[in-house]
PDB file of N, CA and C in Angstrom:
ATOM      1  N   MET A   1      -6.507  55.287  39.018  1.00  0.00           N
ATOM      2  CA  MET A   1      -8.028  56.270  39.451  1.00  0.00           C
ATOM      3  C   MET A   1      -6.669  57.635  40.341  1.00  0.00           C
ATOM      4  N   HIS A   2      -7.220  58.126  39.994  1.00  0.00           N
ATOM      5  CA  HIS A   2      -6.319  59.999  40.264  1.00  0.00           C
ATOM      6  C   HIS A   2      -7.006  60.651  41.769  1.00  0.00           C
ATOM      7  N   PHE A   3      -6.110  60.382  42.649  1.00  0.00           N
ATOM      8  CA  PHE A   3      -6.445  60.836  43.729  1.00  0.00           C
ATOM      9  C   PHE A   3      -6.332  62.630  44.119  1.00  0.00           C
ATOM     10  N   GLY A   4      -7.389  63.440  44.674  1.00  0.00           N
ATOM     11  CA  GLY A   4      -6.924  64.435  44.765  1.00  0.00           C
ATOM     12  C   GLY A   4      -8.699  64.737  45.199  1.00  0.00           C
ATOM     13  N   HIS A   5      -8.259  66.373  45.109  1.00  0.00           N
ATOM     14  CA  HIS A   5      -9.776  66.314  45.595  1.00  0.00           C
ATOM     15  C   HIS A   5     -10.060  67.013  44.820  1.00  0.00           C
ATOM     16  N   LYS A   6     -10.481  66.934  43.257  1.00  0.00           N
ATOM     17  CA  LYS A   6     -11.185  67.661  42.604  1.00  0.00           C
ATOM     18  C   LYS A   6     -10.605  66.379  41.166  1.00  0.00           C
ATOM     19  N   LYS A   7     -11.927  66.000  39.884  1.00  0.00           N
ATOM     20  CA  LYS A   7     -11.491  65.248  39.342  1.00  0.00           C
ATOM     21  C   LYS A   7     -10.508  65.662  38.319  1.00  0.00           C
ATOM     22  N   PRO A   8      -9.623  65.317  37.967  1.00  0.00           N
ATOM     23  CA  PRO A   8      -8.347  65.820  37.190  1.00  0.00           C
ATOM     24  C   PRO A   8      -8.669  66.199  35.772  1.00  0.00           C
ATOM     25  N   SER A   9      -8.535  67.123  35.720  1.00  0.00           N
ATOM     26  CA  SER A   9      -8.000  67.838  34.151  1.00  0.00           C
ATOM     27  C   SER A   9      -7.548  66.806  32.762  1.00  0.00           C
ATOM     28  N   LEU A  10      -6.505  66.621  33.501  1.00  0.00           N
ATOM     29  CA  LEU A  10      -5.671  65.857  32.754  1.00  0.00           C
ATOM     30  C   LEU A  10      -6.240  64.322  32.617  1.00  0.00           C
ATOM     31  N   LYS A  11      -6.208  63.307  31.612  1.00  0.00           N
ATOM     32  CA  LYS A  11      -6.422  61.796  31.146  1.00  0.00           C
ATOM     33  C   LYS A  11      -4.913  61.539  31.090  1.00  0.00           C
ATOM     34  N   MET A  12      -4.784  60.285  31.773  1.00  0.00           N
ATOM     35  CA  MET A  12      -3.879  59.388  31.758  1.00  0.00           C
ATOM     36  C   MET A  12      -4.305  58.696  30.591  1.00  0.00           C
ATOM     37  N   ASN A  13      -3.190  58.425  29.551  1.00  0.00           N
ATOM     38  CA  ASN A  13      -3.772  56.840  28.465  1.00  0.00           C
ATOM     39  C   ASN A  13      -2.418  55.642  29.538  1.00  0.00           C
ATOM     40  N   VAL A  14      -3.060  55.074  29.935  1.00  0.00           N
ATOM     41  CA  VAL A  14      -2.010  53.928  30.563  1.00  0.00           C
ATOM     42  C   VAL A  14      -3.137  52.853  29.695  1.00  0.00           C
ATOM     43  N   GLN A  15      -2.223  52.056  29.338  1.00  0.00           N
ATOM     44  CA  GLN A  15      -2.074  50.305  28.806  1.00  0.00           C
ATOM     45  C   GLN A  15      -0.953  49.761  29.053  1.00  0.00           C
ATOM     46  N   TYR A  16      -1.403  48.162  28.833  1.00  0.00           N
ATOM     47  CA  TYR A  16      -1.330  47.236  29.456  1.00  0.00           C
ATOM     48  C   TYR A  16      -1.682  46.272  28.933  1.00  0.00           C
ATOM     49  N   LYS A  17      -0.216  45.848  28.223  1.00  0.00           N
ATOM     50  CA  LYS A  17      -0.460  44.587  27.332  1.00  0.00           C
ATOM     51  C   LYS A  17      -1.460  44.487  26.243  1.00  0.00           C
ATOM     52  N   ASN A  18      -0.597  45.803  26.006  1.00  0.00           N
ATOM     53  CA  ASN A  18      -2.069  46.363  24.542  1.00  0.00           C
ATOM     54  C   ASN A  18      -3.602  46.539  25.279  1.00  0.00           C
ATOM     55  N   LYS A  19      -3.348  46.977  25.938  1.00  0.00           N
ATOM     56  CA  LYS A  19      -5.089  46.541  26.723  1.00  0.00           C
ATOM     57  C   LYS A  19      -5.370  48.036  27.024  1.00  0.00           C
ATOM     58  N   LYS A  20      -6.523  49.048  27.267  1.00  0.00           N
ATOM     59  CA  LYS A  20      -6.279  50.118  27.527  1.00  0.00           C
ATOM     60  C   LYS A  20      -6.988  50.244  29.378  1.00  0.00           C
ATOM     61  N   ILE A  21      -6.277  50.839  30.096  1.00  0.00           N
ATOM     62  CA  ILE A  21      -6.654  50.564  31.465  1.00  0.00           C
ATOM     63  C   ILE A  21      -6.832  51.543  31.252  1.00  0.00           C
ATOM     64  N   ASP A  22      -8.701  51.820  31.831  1.00  0.00           N
ATOM     65  CA  ASP A  22      -9.920  52.780  32.497  1.00  0.00           C
ATOM     66  C   ASP A  22      -9.561  53.878  33.771  1.00  0.00           C
ATOM     67  N   ASP A  23      -9.737  54.768  33.939  1.00  0.00           N
ATOM     68  CA  ASP A  23      -9.756  55.927  34.955  1.00  0.00           C
ATOM     69  C   ASP A  23     -11.351  55.956  35.543  1.00  0.00           C
ATOM     70  N   VAL A  24     -11.084  55.524  36.715  1.00  0.00           N
ATOM     71  CA  VAL A  24     -12.436  54.831  37.963  1.00  0.00           C
ATOM     72  C   VAL A  24     -12.087  56.160  38.477  1.00  0.00           C
ATOM     73  N   ASP A  25     -13.558  56.148  39.338  1.00  0.00           N
ATOM     74  CA  ASP A  25     -13.699  56.447  40.622  1.00  0.00           C
ATOM     75  C   ASP A  25     -13.743  56.158  42.006  1.00  0.00           C
ATOM     76  N   THR A  26     -13.614  55.145  42.232  1.00  0.00           N
ATOM     77  CA  THR A  26     -13.693  53.881  42.952  1.00  0.00           C
ATOM     78  C   THR A  26     -13.453  52.952  42.247  1.00  0.00           C
ATOM     79  N   ALA A  27     -12.476  51.985  43.609  1.00  0.00           N
ATOM     80  CA  ALA A  27     -12.184  50.339  43.275  1.00  0.00           C
ATOM     81  C   ALA A  27     -11.889  49.896  44.639  1.00  0.00           C
ATOM     82  N   LYS A  28     -12.396  48.774  44.802  1.00  0.00           N
ATOM     83  CA  LYS A  28     -12.554  47.230  45.485  1.00  0.00           C
ATOM     84  C   LYS A  28     -11.616  46.940  46.028  1.00  0.00           C
ATOM     85  N   PHE A  29     -10.799  47.214  47.387  1.00  0.00           N
ATOM     86  CA  PHE A  29      -9.637  46.779  47.910  1.00  0.00           C
ATOM     87  C   PHE A  29      -9.115  45.778  48.979  1.00  0.00           C
ATOM     88  N   LEU A  30      -9.621  44.308  48.770  1.00  0.00           N
ATOM     89  CA  LEU A  30      -9.266  43.604  49.570  1.00  0.00           C
ATOM     90  C   LEU A  30     -11.216  43.923  50.747  1.00  0.00           C
ATOM     91  N   GLY A  31     -11.628  44.337  50.212  1.00  0.00           N
ATOM     92  CA  GLY A  31     -13.005  44.654  50.444  1.00  0.00           C
ATOM     93  C   GLY A  31     -13.341  45.535  50.915  1.00  0.00           C
ATOM     94  N   LEU A  32     -12.209  46.519  50.838  1.00  0.00           N
ATOM     95  CA  LEU A  32     -12.536  48.054  50.530  1.00  0.00           C
ATOM     96  C   LEU A  32     -12.818  48.894  49.720  1.00  0.00           C
ATOM     97  N   ILE A  33     -13.706  48.638  49.482  1.00  0.00           N
ATOM     98  CA  ILE A  33     -14.462  50.555  48.457  1.00  0.00           C
ATOM     99  C   ILE A  33     -13.436  51.394  48.838  1.00  0.00           C
ATOM    100  N   ILE A  34     -12.684  52.081  47.649  1.00  0.00           N
ATOM    101  CA  ILE A  34     -11.184  52.671  47.449  1.00  0.00           C
ATOM    102  C   ILE A  34     -11.907  54.327  46.786  1.00  0.00           C
ATOM    103  N   ASP A  35     -12.158  55.482  47.015  1.00  0.00           N
ATOM    104  CA  ASP A  35     -12.694  56.688  46.049  1.00  0.00           C
ATOM    105  C   ASP A  35     -11.534  57.976  45.878  1.00  0.00           C
ATOM    106  N   ARG A  36     -11.881  58.281  45.509  1.00  0.00           N
ATOM    107  CA  ARG A  36     -10.512  59.461  44.680  1.00  0.00           C
ATOM    108  C   ARG A  36     -10.096  60.261  45.867  1.00  0.00           C
ATOM    109  N   GLN A  37     -11.316  60.602  47.070  1.00  0.00           N
ATOM    110  CA  GLN A  37     -11.081  61.576  47.855  1.00  0.00           C
ATOM    111  C   GLN A  37     -10.810  60.998  48.556  1.00  0.00           C
ATOM    112  N   LEU A  38     -10.419  59.743  48.379  1.00  0.00           N
ATOM    113  CA  LEU A  38     -10.652  59.023  50.164  1.00  0.00           C
ATOM    114  C   LEU A  38     -11.359  59.509  51.391  1.00  0.00           C
ATOM    115  N   ASN A  39     -12.108  59.524  50.736  1.00  0.00           N
ATOM    116  CA  ASN A  39     -13.846  60.144  51.622  1.00  0.00           C
ATOM    117  C   ASN A  39     -14.810  58.948  52.986  1.00  0.00           C
ATOM    118  N   TRP A  40     -14.781  58.084  51.536  1.00  0.00           N
ATOM    119  CA  TRP A  40     -14.785  56.633  52.261  1.00  0.00           C
ATOM    120  C   TRP A  40     -16.674  57.007  52.304  1.00  0.00           C
ATOM    121  N   LYS A  41     -16.948  57.505  51.660  1.00  0.00           N
ATOM    122  CA  LYS A  41     -18.781  57.651  51.241  1.00  0.00           C
ATOM    123  C   LYS A  41     -19.471  56.483  50.962  1.00  0.00           C
ATOM    124  N   ASP A  42     -18.437  56.089  50.248  1.00  0.00           N
ATOM    125  CA  ASP A  42     -18.687  55.105  49.142  1.00  0.00           C
ATOM    126  C   ASP A  42     -19.167  53.464  50.071  1.00  0.00           C
ATOM    127  N   HIS A  43     -17.607  53.705  50.349  1.00  0.00           N
ATOM    128  CA  HIS A  43     -17.552  52.246  51.306  1.00  0.00           C
ATOM    129  C   HIS A  43     -18.899  52.711  52.561  1.00  0.00           C
ATOM    130  N   ILE A  44     -18.782  53.186  52.685  1.00  0.00           N
ATOM    131  CA  ILE A  44     -19.827  53.294  54.228  1.00  0.00           C
ATOM    132  C   ILE A  44     -20.966  53.286  53.589  1.00  0.00           C
ATOM    133  N   GLU A  45     -21.759  53.815  53.015  1.00  0.00           N
ATOM    134  CA  GLU A  45     -22.799  53.669  51.880  1.00  0.00           C
ATOM    135  C   GLU A  45     -23.354  52.074  52.046  1.00  0.00           C
ATOM    136  N   ALA A  46     -22.062  51.101  51.404  1.00  0.00           N
ATOM    137  CA  ALA A  46     -22.478  49.687  50.786  1.00  0.00           C
ATOM    138  C   ALA A  46     -22.305  48.980  52.312  1.00  0.00           C
ATOM    139  N   LEU A  47     -21.505  49.156  53.157  1.00  0.00           N
ATOM    140  CA  LEU A  47     -20.688  48.766  54.438  1.00  0.00           C
ATOM    141  C   LEU A  47     -23.287  49.307  55.895  1.00  0.00           C
ATOM    142  N   CYS A  48     -23.554  50.279  55.050  1.00  0.00           N
ATOM    143  CA  CYS A  48     -24.732  50.330  55.391  1.00  0.00           C
ATOM    144  C   CYS A  48     -25.898  49.495  54.744  1.00  0.00           C
ATOM    145  N   LYS A  49     -25.819  49.004  54.127  1.00  0.00           N
ATOM    146  CA  LYS A  49     -26.498  47.868  53.368  1.00  0.00           C
ATOM    147  C   LYS A  49     -26.953  47.390  53.794  1.00  0.00           C
ATOM    148  N   LYS A  50     -25.408  46.531  54.234  1.00  0.00           N
ATOM    149  CA  LYS A  50     -25.116  45.161  54.754  1.00  0.00           C
ATOM    150  C   LYS A  50     -25.849  44.834  55.800  1.00  0.00           C
ATOM    151  N   ILE A  51     -25.990  46.111  56.486  1.00  0.00           N
ATOM    152  CA  ILE A  51     -25.707  46.640  58.060  1.00  0.00           C
ATOM    153  C   ILE A  51     -27.967  45.997  57.940  1.00  0.00           C
ATOM    154  N   CYS A  52     -28.512  47.234  56.891  1.00  0.00           N
ATOM    155  CA  CYS A  52     -29.628  47.363  56.695  1.00  0.00           C
ATOM    156  C   CYS A  52     -30.127  46.069  56.665  1.00  0.00           C
ATOM    157  N   SER A  53     -29.315  45.070  55.819  1.00  0.00           N
ATOM    158  CA  SER A  53     -30.348  43.345  55.668  1.00  0.00           C
ATOM    159  C   SER A  53     -29.804  42.830  56.624  1.00  0.00           C
ATOM    160  N   SER A  54     -29.343  43.050  57.553  1.00  0.00           N
ATOM    161  CA  SER A  54     -28.983  42.256  58.701  1.00  0.00           C
ATOM    162  C   SER A  54     -29.391  42.418  60.060  1.00  0.00           C
ATOM    163  N   SER A  55     -30.159  43.947  59.769  1.00  0.00           N
ATOM    164  CA  SER A  55     -31.341  44.487  60.669  1.00  0.00           C
ATOM    165  C   SER A  55     -32.256  43.586  60.581  1.00  0.00           C
ATOM    166  N   TYR A  56     -33.071  43.203  59.198  1.00  0.00           N
ATOM    167  CA  TYR A  56     -34.183  42.729  59.292  1.00  0.00           C
ATOM    168  C   TYR A  56     -34.097  40.728  59.514  1.00  0.00           C
ATOM    169  N   ALA A  57     -32.447  40.390  59.764  1.00  0.00           N
ATOM    170  CA  ALA A  57     -32.126  39.458  60.280  1.00  0.00           C
ATOM    171  C   ALA A  57     -32.142  39.212  61.089  1.00  0.00           C
ATOM    172  N   LEU A  58     -31.918  40.054  62.364  1.00  0.00           N
ATOM    173  CA  LEU A  58     -31.857  39.967  63.460  1.00  0.00           C
ATOM    174  C   LEU A  58     -33.330  40.017  63.775  1.00  0.00           C
ATOM    175  N   TYR A  59     -34.551  41.117  63.538  1.00  0.00           N
ATOM    176  CA  TYR A  59     -35.188  41.476  63.918  1.00  0.00           C
ATOM    177  C   TYR A  59     -36.797  40.128  63.457  1.00  0.00           C
ATOM    178  N   LYS A  60     -36.273  39.668  62.036  1.00  0.00           N
ATOM    179  CA  LYS A  60     -37.091  38.095  62.365  1.00  0.00           C
ATOM    180  C   LYS A  60     -36.728  37.352  63.217  1.00  0.00           C
ATOM    181  N   LEU A  61     -35.237  36.378  63.749  1.00  0.00           N
ATOM    182  CA  LEU A  61     -35.032  35.850  63.970  1.00  0.00           C
ATOM    183  C   LEU A  61     -34.971  36.105  65.921  1.00  0.00           C
ATOM    184  N   ALA A  62     -34.843  37.442  66.205  1.00  0.00           N
ATOM    185  CA  ALA A  62     -35.720  37.974  67.816  1.00  0.00           C
ATOM    186  C   ALA A  62     -35.944  37.470  68.692  1.00  0.00           C
ATOM    187  N   PRO A  63     -37.458  36.432  67.857  1.00  0.00           N
ATOM    188  CA  PRO A  63     -38.659  35.899  68.323  1.00  0.00           C
ATOM    189  C   PRO A  63     -38.747  34.373  69.092  1.00  0.00           C
ATOM    190  N   THR A  64     -37.760  34.064  67.854  1.00  0.00           N
ATOM    191  CA  THR A  64     -37.534  32.913  68.160  1.00  0.00           C
ATOM    192  C   THR A  64     -35.914  32.021  68.811  1.00  0.00           C
ATOM    193  N   VAL A  65     -35.451  32.859  69.063  1.00  0.00           N
ATOM    194  CA  VAL A  65     -33.932  31.892  69.294  1.00  0.00           C
ATOM    195  C   VAL A  65     -33.491  32.927  70.554  1.00  0.00           C
ATOM    196  N   THR A  66     -33.125  32.904  71.835  1.00  0.00           N
ATOM    197  CA  THR A  66     -32.543  33.042  73.526  1.00  0.00           C
ATOM    198  C   THR A  66     -31.524  34.425  72.973  1.00  0.00           C
ATOM    199  N   ILE A  67     -31.636  35.143  73.921  1.00  0.00           N
ATOM    200  CA  ILE A  67     -30.408  36.213  73.855  1.00  0.00           C
ATOM    201  C   ILE A  67     -28.960  36.052  73.050  1.00  0.00           C
ATOM    202  N   ASP A  68     -28.766  34.894  73.822  1.00  0.00           N
ATOM    203  CA  ASP A  68     -27.386  34.704  74.199  1.00  0.00           C
ATOM    204  C   ASP A  68     -27.041  34.346  72.163  1.00  0.00           C
ATOM    205  N   ALA A  69     -28.018  33.521  71.386  1.00  0.00           N
ATOM    206  CA  ALA A  69     -28.537  33.165  70.075  1.00  0.00           C
ATOM    207  C   ALA A  69     -28.133  34.465  69.651  1.00  0.00           C
ATOM    208  N   LEU A  70     -28.567  35.250  69.688  1.00  0.00           N
ATOM    209  CA  LEU A  70     -28.983  36.824  69.193  1.00  0.00           C
ATOM    210  C   LEU A  70     -28.056  37.549  69.442  1.00  0.00           C
ATOM    211  N   LEU A  71     -27.181  37.578  70.523  1.00  0.00           N
ATOM    212  CA  LEU A  71     -25.520  37.978  70.420  1.00  0.00           C
ATOM    213  C   LEU A  71     -25.060  37.796  69.343  1.00  0.00           C
ATOM    214  N   THR A  72     -24.957  36.616  69.159  1.00  0.00           N
ATOM    215  CA  THR A  72     -23.734  35.165  68.785  1.00  0.00           C
ATOM    216  C   THR A  72     -24.290  35.997  67.366  1.00  0.00           C
ATOM    217  N   ALA A  73     -25.614  36.125  66.673  1.00  0.00           N
ATOM    218  CA  ALA A  73     -25.970  36.441  65.226  1.00  0.00           C
ATOM    219  C   ALA A  73     -25.192  37.869  65.025  1.00  0.00           C
ATOM    220  N   TYR A  74     -25.790  38.840  66.542  1.00  0.00           N
ATOM    221  CA  TYR A  74     -25.382  40.197  66.159  1.00  0.00           C
ATOM    222  C   TYR A  74     -24.102  40.074  65.560  1.00  0.00           C
ATOM    223  N   HIS A  75     -23.227  39.258  66.172  1.00  0.00           N
ATOM    224  CA  HIS A  75     -21.978  39.613  66.087  1.00  0.00           C
ATOM    225  C   HIS A  75     -21.283  39.179  65.012  1.00  0.00           C
ATOM    226  N   GLY A  76     -21.195  38.034  64.413  1.00  0.00           N
ATOM    227  CA  GLY A  76     -21.467  37.427  63.152  1.00  0.00           C
ATOM    228  C   GLY A  76     -22.180  38.582  61.816  1.00  0.00           C
ATOM    229  N   LEU A  77     -23.155  38.844  62.094  1.00  0.00           N
ATOM    230  CA  LEU A  77     -23.659  39.561  60.761  1.00  0.00           C
ATOM    231  C   LEU A  77     -23.558  41.412  61.667  1.00  0.00           C
ATOM    232  N   VAL A  78     -23.001  42.253  62.034  1.00  0.00           N
ATOM    233  CA  VAL A  78     -23.075  43.361  62.201  1.00  0.00           C
ATOM    234  C   VAL A  78     -21.631  43.781  62.922  1.00  0.00           C
ATOM    235  N   ALA A  79     -21.657  43.240  63.779  1.00  0.00           N
ATOM    236  CA  ALA A  79     -20.068  43.684  64.086  1.00  0.00           C
ATOM    237  C   ALA A  79     -18.797  43.672  63.913  1.00  0.00           C
ATOM    238  N   SER A  80     -18.735  42.444  62.565  1.00  0.00           N
ATOM    239  CA  SER A  80     -18.137  42.060  62.011  1.00  0.00           C
ATOM    240  C   SER A  80     -17.643  43.308  60.955  1.00  0.00           C
ATOM    241  N   ILE A  81     -18.970  43.430  60.237  1.00  0.00           N
ATOM    242  CA  ILE A  81     -18.705  43.792  59.362  1.00  0.00           C
ATOM    243  C   ILE A  81     -17.924  45.419  59.342  1.00  0.00           C
ATOM    244  N   LEU A  82     -18.848  45.859  60.605  1.00  0.00           N
ATOM    245  CA  LEU A  82     -18.598  47.468  61.282  1.00  0.00           C
ATOM    246  C   LEU A  82     -16.017  47.457  61.319  1.00  0.00           C
ATOM    247  N   ARG A  83     -16.874  46.015  62.023  1.00  0.00           N
ATOM    248  CA  ARG A  83     -15.016  46.350  62.278  1.00  0.00           C
ATOM    249  C   ARG A  83     -14.050  45.695  61.127  1.00  0.00           C
ATOM    250  N   TYR A  84     -14.607  45.343  60.386  1.00  0.00           N
ATOM    251  CA  TYR A  84     -13.706  45.377  59.027  1.00  0.00           C
ATOM    252  C   TYR A  84     -12.891  46.165  58.209  1.00  0.00           C
ATOM    253  N   GLY A  85     -11.630  46.587  58.927  1.00  0.00           N
ATOM    254  CA  GLY A  85     -11.417  48.060  58.263  1.00  0.00           C
ATOM    255  C   GLY A  85     -11.819  49.478  58.422  1.00  0.00           C
ATOM    256  N   ILE A  86     -12.569  49.287  59.997  1.00  0.00           N
ATOM    257  CA  ILE A  86     -12.696  50.594  60.454  1.00  0.00           C
ATOM    258  C   ILE A  86     -11.321  51.389  60.878  1.00  0.00           C
ATOM    259  N   ILE A  87      -9.803  50.788  61.335  1.00  0.00           N
ATOM    260  CA  ILE A  87      -8.667  51.979  61.326  1.00  0.00           C
ATOM    261  C   ILE A  87      -8.787  52.462  59.770  1.00  0.00           C
ATOM    262  N   PHE A  88      -9.386  52.665  58.839  1.00  0.00           N
ATOM    263  CA  PHE A  88      -8.671  53.417  57.948  1.00  0.00           C
ATOM    264  C   PHE A  88     -10.108  53.990  57.569  1.00  0.00           C
ATOM    265  N   TRP A  89     -11.515  53.335  57.958  1.00  0.00           N
ATOM    266  CA  TRP A  89     -12.736  54.330  57.241  1.00  0.00           C
ATOM    267  C   TRP A  89     -13.236  54.819  58.147  1.00  0.00           C
ATOM    268  N   GLY A  90     -13.004  54.493  59.913  1.00  0.00           N
ATOM    269  CA  GLY A  90     -13.213  54.802  61.430  1.00  0.00           C
ATOM    270  C   GLY A  90     -13.362  56.186  61.335  1.00  0.00           C
ATOM    271  N   ASN A  91     -12.511  57.403  61.072  1.00  0.00           N
ATOM    272  CA  ASN A  91     -12.005  58.815  61.612  1.00  0.00           C
ATOM    273  C   ASN A  91     -12.884  59.874  60.052  1.00  0.00           C
ATOM    274  N   SER A  92     -13.079  59.093  59.152  1.00  0.00           N
ATOM    275  CA  SER A  92     -14.105  59.791  58.255  1.00  0.00           C
ATOM    276  C   SER A  92     -15.651  60.502  58.591  1.00  0.00           C
ATOM    277  N   THR A  93     -15.660  61.569  57.790  1.00  0.00           N
ATOM    278  CA  THR A  93     -16.756  62.272  58.258  1.00  0.00           C
ATOM    279  C   THR A  93     -18.408  61.241  58.098  1.00  0.00           C
ATOM    280  N   ASN A  94     -18.004  60.864  57.878  1.00  0.00           N
ATOM    281  CA  ASN A  94     -19.069  60.088  57.312  1.00  0.00           C
ATOM    282  C   ASN A  94     -19.456  58.756  57.855  1.00  0.00           C
ATOM    283  N   ARG A  95     -18.513  58.869  58.848  1.00  0.00           N
ATOM    284  CA  ARG A  95     -18.832  57.130  60.167  1.00  0.00           C
ATOM    285  C   ARG A  95     -20.282  57.402  61.015  1.00  0.00           C
ATOM    286  N   GLU A  96     -20.173  58.830  60.917  1.00  0.00           N
ATOM    287  CA  GLU A  96     -21.896  58.233  61.508  1.00  0.00           C
ATOM    288  C   GLU A  96     -22.978  58.013  61.506  1.00  0.00           C
ATOM    289  N   THR A  97     -22.616  58.125  59.654  1.00  0.00           N
ATOM    290  CA  THR A  97     -24.074  57.043  59.016  1.00  0.00           C
ATOM    291  C   THR A  97     -23.855  55.349  59.576  1.00  0.00           C
ATOM    292  N   ALA A  98     -22.847  54.840  59.672  1.00  0.00           N
ATOM    293  CA  ALA A  98     -22.536  53.420  59.858  1.00  0.00           C
ATOM    294  C   ALA A  98     -22.861  53.671  61.310  1.00  0.00           C
ATOM    295  N   PHE A  99     -22.856  53.917  62.433  1.00  0.00           N
ATOM    296  CA  PHE A  99     -23.221  53.739  63.518  1.00  0.00           C
ATOM    297  C   PHE A  99     -24.556  54.328  64.073  1.00  0.00           C
ATOM    298  N   LYS A 100     -25.551  54.612  63.174  1.00  0.00           N
ATOM    299  CA  LYS A 100     -26.935  54.685  63.041  1.00  0.00           C
ATOM    300  C   LYS A 100     -27.062  53.230  62.574  1.00  0.00           C
ATOM    301  N   ALA A 101     -26.622  52.871  61.685  1.00  0.00           N
ATOM    302  CA  ALA A 101     -27.091  51.800  61.548  1.00  0.00           C
ATOM    303  C   ALA A 101     -26.812  50.480  62.302  1.00  0.00           C
ATOM    304  N   GLN A 102     -25.555  50.986  62.729  1.00  0.00           N
ATOM    305  CA  GLN A 102     -25.643  49.817  63.909  1.00  0.00           C
ATOM    306  C   GLN A 102     -26.378  50.020  65.151  1.00  0.00           C
ATOM    307  N   LYS A 103     -26.809  50.752  65.477  1.00  0.00           N
ATOM    308  CA  LYS A 103     -28.137  51.086  66.449  1.00  0.00           C
ATOM    309  C   LYS A 103     -29.209  51.020  66.510  1.00  0.00           C
ATOM    310  N   ARG A 104     -29.755  51.093  64.825  1.00  0.00           N
ATOM    311  CA  ARG A 104     -30.856  50.269  63.954  1.00  0.00           C
ATOM    312  C   ARG A 104     -31.182  48.864  64.568  1.00  0.00           C
ATOM    313  N   SER A 105     -30.466  48.174  64.075  1.00  0.00           N
ATOM    314  CA  SER A 105     -29.934  46.498  64.120  1.00  0.00           C
ATOM    315  C   SER A 105     -30.031  46.766  65.684  1.00  0.00           C
ATOM    316  N   ILE A 106     -29.608  47.568  66.656  1.00  0.00           N
ATOM    317  CA  ILE A 106     -29.595  46.571  68.324  1.00  0.00           C
ATOM    318  C   ILE A 106     -31.569  47.598  68.814  1.00  0.00           C
ATOM    319  N   ARG A 107     -31.725  47.988  67.934  1.00  0.00           N
ATOM    320  CA  ARG A 107     -33.245  48.391  68.176  1.00  0.00           C
ATOM    321  C   ARG A 107     -33.915  47.554  67.807  1.00  0.00           C
ATOM    322  N   ALA A 108     -33.564  47.294  66.472  1.00  0.00           N
ATOM    323  CA  ALA A 108     -34.352  45.509  65.628  1.00  0.00           C
ATOM    324  C   ALA A 108     -34.237  44.538  66.572  1.00  0.00           C
ATOM    325  N   MET A 109     -32.543  43.981  67.365  1.00  0.00           N
ATOM    326  CA  MET A 109     -33.264  43.003  67.947  1.00  0.00           C
ATOM    327  C   MET A 109     -33.356  43.212  69.184  1.00  0.00           C
ATOM    328  N   PHE A 110     -34.141  44.180  69.703  1.00  0.00           N
ATOM    329  CA  PHE A 110     -34.735  44.156  71.379  1.00  0.00           C
ATOM    330  C   PHE A 110     -36.189  44.841  71.515  1.00  0.00           C
ATOM    331  N   LYS A 111     -36.392  45.557  70.304  1.00  0.00           N
ATOM    332  CA  LYS A 111     -37.950  45.782  69.908  1.00  0.00           C
ATOM    333  C   LYS A 111     -37.496  46.688  70.270  1.00  0.00           C
ATOM    334  N   LEU A 112     -36.879  47.802  70.190  1.00  0.00           N
ATOM    335  CA  LEU A 112     -36.844  48.932  71.344  1.00  0.00           C
ATOM    336  C   LEU A 112     -37.503  50.466  69.831  1.00  0.00           C
ATOM    337  N   GLN A 113     -37.797  51.543  70.908  1.00  0.00           N
ATOM    338  CA  GLN A 113     -38.641  52.075  69.671  1.00  0.00           C
ATOM    339  C   GLN A 113     -37.259  53.218  69.019  1.00  0.00           C
ATOM    340  N   VAL A 114     -37.293  54.297  68.115  1.00  0.00           N
ATOM    341  CA  VAL A 114     -36.191  54.657  68.218  1.00  0.00           C
ATOM    342  C   VAL A 114     -35.650  55.834  68.905  1.00  0.00           C
ATOM    343  N   THR A 115     -36.245  56.360  69.837  1.00  0.00           N
ATOM    344  CA  THR A 115     -36.309  57.554  70.954  1.00  0.00           C
ATOM    345  C   THR A 115     -35.434  56.875  71.652  1.00  0.00           C
ATOM    346  N   ASP A 116     -35.108  55.245  72.125  1.00  0.00           N
ATOM    347  CA  ASP A 116     -34.907  54.791  73.631  1.00  0.00           C
ATOM    348  C   ASP A 116     -33.507  54.595  72.952  1.00  0.00           C
ATOM    349  N   SER A 117     -33.403  54.925  74.305  1.00  0.00           N
ATOM    350  CA  SER A 117     -31.296  54.953  74.065  1.00  0.00           C
ATOM    351  C   SER A 117     -30.821  53.035  73.957  1.00  0.00           C
ATOM    352  N   CYS A 118     -29.798  53.441  72.983  1.00  0.00           N
ATOM    353  CA  CYS A 118     -29.041  51.996  73.057  1.00  0.00           C
ATOM    354  C   CYS A 118     -27.919  52.287  73.775  1.00  0.00           C
TER     355      CYS A 118
END
């Protein structure tokens, strides 16, 4: 992977044990998706997909369990995903997308409207 603002015009020919290593735009390392511009857009998109599926689970779970159990499920499904690696991606320009997904999951848990404050 070449890091920089633009795609590199120079192609590198890297080989290891007579096998060519291809150039990639993104790579997953320790659960974080790193892209060549280090803007974390791909990581945050993947994070939002996980949070959205967890929001549906919380929505379905909410009428059947206590608030304590629902909060435990929230911390296990949503908060843990958000906290992992936030020291790296938390200052990116795309972070608002992840925090909006978090708000959607909180609204789903408590059956709040879009206009209600979280």
